[in-house]
Amino acid sequence: MNVDGRLVMFVKIGEVIHGFSDDYVRENSGRIEGYVRVFDEYAEGLEGIEEYSHLFLLSFLDKISEDKRRILKIKPRRLLRLGYSEEQLPEVGVLSSDSPIRPNPIGLTLVKLINREKTLLHVYGLDLFNKTPIIDIKPFRETYTTSEFKVPNWVMEYDRKQNRL
């Protein structure tokens, strides 16, 4: 780790397992049931995790190319599925979106923990491809929510049309 030189490394502690194609995951993002297999050397770190209902998964989005990591503005293409035309898509900075295209392709996914069997976590709500590396897991707590928040209109419309509100 060379923080001043900007190089930072993470350890892969596990991976996503579900067997669905990448296209299926794109179409059903946030509605995938599957598993997180935590490697045996991190098993002790899972003690007590089954007492939580939801978990944050931090992942390394390993299918994002070096070229895409340099892109700083995007058009949220998921809106095309809702009938938007290419011209209607807003252009936003990658850091003001949840696009996987970003300088550091780190994913944050909130999943429901269905059960745990040793180092295998059965979860629902995945938006990650099969075999995506997991770099950390954090339990969800009530204090991580807020009743007052603001999002752009296009995000609100997308969530409404996806029945997420």
Protein backbone atom coordinates (compact mmCIF):
# COMPACT_ATOMS: atom_id res chain seq x y z
CA MET A 1 0.00 0.00 0.00
CA ASN A 2 1.49 3.31 -1.07
CA VAL A 3 -1.17 5.87 -0.14
CA ASP A 4 0.85 8.97 -1.04
CA GLY A 5 1.71 7.44 -4.41
CA ARG A 6 -2.00 6.54 -4.72
CA LEU A 7 -1.55 2.78 -5.03
CA VAL A 8 -3.85 0.85 -2.68
CA MET A 9 -4.38 -2.91 -2.66
CA PHE A 10 -7.21 -5.01 -1.29
CA VAL A 11 -7.45 -8.69 -0.45
CA LYS A 12 -10.20 -10.79 -2.02
CA ILE A 13 -12.04 -12.38 0.94
CA GLY A 14 -14.64 -14.24 -1.08
CA GLU A 15 -16.73 -14.29 -4.22
CA VAL A 16 -20.30 -14.23 -5.49
CA ILE A 17 -21.81 -17.53 -6.64
CA HIS A 18 -25.12 -17.78 -8.49
CA GLY A 19 -24.56 -19.17 -12.00
CA PHE A 20 -26.59 -16.56 -13.89
CA SER A 21 -25.29 -14.96 -17.09
CA ASP A 22 -24.07 -11.36 -17.06
CA ASP A 23 -27.04 -10.34 -19.25
CA TYR A 24 -29.48 -11.94 -16.80
CA VAL A 25 -27.86 -10.04 -13.92
CA ARG A 26 -28.11 -6.74 -15.84
CA GLU A 27 -31.82 -7.33 -16.49
CA ASN A 28 -32.58 -8.46 -12.92
CA SER A 29 -30.20 -6.26 -10.95
CA GLY A 30 -31.06 -6.19 -7.26
CA ARG A 31 -33.36 -9.22 -7.56
CA ILE A 32 -30.83 -12.04 -7.77
CA GLU A 33 -30.67 -14.78 -5.14
CA GLY A 34 -27.33 -16.46 -4.67
CA TYR A 35 -24.38 -16.94 -2.37
CA VAL A 36 -21.29 -15.22 -1.11
CA ARG A 37 -18.58 -17.77 -0.49
CA VAL A 38 -16.12 -16.41 2.06
CA PHE A 39 -12.71 -18.05 1.89
CA ASP A 40 -11.82 -20.35 4.79
CA GLU A 41 -9.04 -18.12 6.13
CA TYR A 42 -11.70 -15.43 6.87
CA ALA A 43 -14.28 -17.80 8.44
CA GLU A 44 -13.64 -16.51 11.97
CA GLY A 45 -14.63 -13.03 10.80
CA LEU A 46 -18.17 -14.26 10.09
CA GLU A 47 -18.94 -15.12 13.71
CA GLY A 48 -22.25 -13.50 14.68
CA ILE A 49 -23.14 -12.32 11.17
CA GLU A 50 -26.30 -14.47 11.12
CA GLU A 51 -27.80 -12.13 13.73
CA TYR A 52 -28.16 -9.44 11.05
CA SER A 53 -30.91 -9.37 8.43
CA HIS A 54 -29.03 -7.36 5.80
CA LEU A 55 -25.41 -6.94 4.74
CA PHE A 56 -23.43 -4.51 2.65
CA LEU A 57 -21.13 -6.25 0.18
CA LEU A 58 -18.12 -4.33 -1.05
CA SER A 59 -16.91 -5.81 -4.29
CA PHE A 60 -14.26 -5.25 -6.90
CA LEU A 61 -15.97 -4.88 -10.28
CA ASP A 62 -13.32 -6.86 -12.12
CA LYS A 63 -14.97 -6.67 -15.55
CA ILE A 64 -14.51 -2.89 -15.83
CA SER A 65 -11.63 -2.22 -18.24
CA GLU A 66 -8.81 0.26 -17.61
CA ASP A 67 -10.22 2.47 -20.41
CA LYS A 68 -13.63 2.66 -18.75
CA ARG A 69 -12.01 3.60 -15.43
CA ARG A 70 -10.90 6.87 -17.03
CA ILE A 71 -14.44 7.88 -17.99
CA LEU A 72 -15.72 10.60 -15.65
CA LYS A 73 -19.11 11.44 -17.24
CA ILE A 74 -21.78 8.94 -18.22
CA LYS A 75 -25.39 8.72 -19.36
CA PRO A 76 -27.32 6.27 -17.14
CA ARG A 77 -28.16 3.68 -19.79
CA ARG A 78 -30.53 1.74 -17.54
CA LEU A 79 -33.09 4.47 -18.35
CA LEU A 80 -33.25 3.13 -21.91
CA ARG A 81 -35.20 0.13 -20.52
CA LEU A 82 -37.87 2.57 -19.32
CA GLY A 83 -38.42 4.06 -22.77
CA TYR A 84 -36.01 6.98 -22.68
CA SER A 85 -34.21 7.76 -25.92
CA GLU A 86 -30.44 8.18 -26.01
CA GLU A 87 -30.93 11.95 -26.41
CA GLN A 88 -33.12 12.16 -23.28
CA LEU A 89 -30.53 10.59 -20.97
CA PRO A 90 -29.00 13.08 -18.54
CA GLU A 91 -25.21 13.35 -18.52
CA VAL A 92 -23.83 13.08 -15.00
CA GLY A 93 -20.48 12.55 -13.33
CA VAL A 94 -19.68 8.96 -12.42
CA LEU A 95 -19.27 9.97 -8.78
CA SER A 96 -22.88 11.22 -8.75
CA SER A 97 -24.17 7.91 -10.08
CA ASP A 98 -24.11 4.27 -9.10
CA SER A 99 -22.66 3.27 -12.46
CA PRO A 100 -20.06 0.50 -12.28
CA ILE A 101 -17.89 2.65 -14.56
CA ARG A 102 -15.70 4.65 -12.17
CA PRO A 103 -12.05 5.36 -11.35
CA ASN A 104 -12.04 2.68 -8.65
CA PRO A 105 -14.55 0.02 -9.66
CA ILE A 106 -15.74 -0.78 -6.16
CA GLY A 107 -19.32 -1.97 -5.82
CA LEU A 108 -21.60 -1.47 -2.85
CA THR A 109 -24.58 -3.83 -2.66
CA LEU A 110 -27.18 -4.16 0.10
CA VAL A 111 -28.44 -7.75 0.34
CA LYS A 112 -30.83 -9.65 2.60
CA LEU A 113 -29.11 -12.46 4.47
CA ILE A 114 -31.29 -15.55 4.16
CA ASN A 115 -28.99 -17.86 6.10
CA ARG A 116 -25.40 -18.81 6.77
CA GLU A 117 -23.86 -22.23 6.47
CA LYS A 118 -20.25 -22.05 7.65
CA THR A 119 -18.56 -19.77 5.08
CA LEU A 120 -21.47 -19.71 2.63
CA LEU A 121 -23.88 -16.78 2.94
CA HIS A 122 -27.21 -17.29 1.17
CA VAL A 123 -28.39 -13.82 0.11
CA TYR A 124 -31.06 -12.03 -1.92
CA GLY A 125 -30.71 -8.71 -3.73
CA LEU A 126 -27.50 -9.27 -5.67
CA ASP A 127 -26.57 -7.03 -8.58
CA LEU A 128 -23.15 -8.61 -9.08
CA PHE A 129 -21.90 -11.01 -11.73
CA ASN A 130 -21.04 -14.60 -10.91
CA LYS A 131 -17.51 -14.89 -9.45
CA THR A 132 -17.32 -11.14 -8.61
CA PRO A 133 -14.59 -10.70 -5.97
CA ILE A 134 -15.81 -9.61 -2.53
CA ILE A 135 -13.37 -7.34 -0.67
CA ASP A 136 -15.43 -6.69 2.48
CA ILE A 137 -18.76 -7.35 4.19
CA LYS A 138 -20.40 -5.01 6.66
CA PRO A 139 -23.66 -5.57 8.54
CA PHE A 140 -26.52 -3.12 7.98
CA ARG A 141 -27.73 -1.19 11.01
CA GLU A 142 -30.81 0.97 11.49
CA THR A 143 -28.63 4.03 12.07
CA TYR A 144 -27.48 3.83 8.41
CA THR A 145 -30.82 5.19 7.22
CA THR A 146 -32.15 8.70 6.98
CA SER A 147 -35.66 10.04 6.60
CA GLU A 148 -34.48 13.21 4.89
CA PHE A 149 -32.71 12.82 1.58
CA LYS A 150 -32.68 14.21 -1.92
CA VAL A 151 -32.09 12.48 -5.27
CA PRO A 152 -32.33 13.72 -8.87
CA ASN A 153 -35.70 13.37 -10.61
CA TRP A 154 -34.36 10.78 -13.07
CA VAL A 155 -33.33 8.51 -10.16
CA MET A 156 -36.72 8.89 -8.47
CA GLU A 157 -38.53 8.11 -11.73
CA TYR A 158 -36.37 5.05 -12.38
CA ASP A 159 -36.95 3.69 -8.86
CA ARG A 160 -40.69 4.36 -9.12
CA LYS A 161 -40.95 2.52 -12.45
CA GLN A 162 -38.93 -0.38 -11.05
CA ASN A 163 -41.35 -0.62 -8.09
CA ARG A 164 -38.57 0.19 -5.64
CA LEU A 165 -40.48 3.03 -3.95
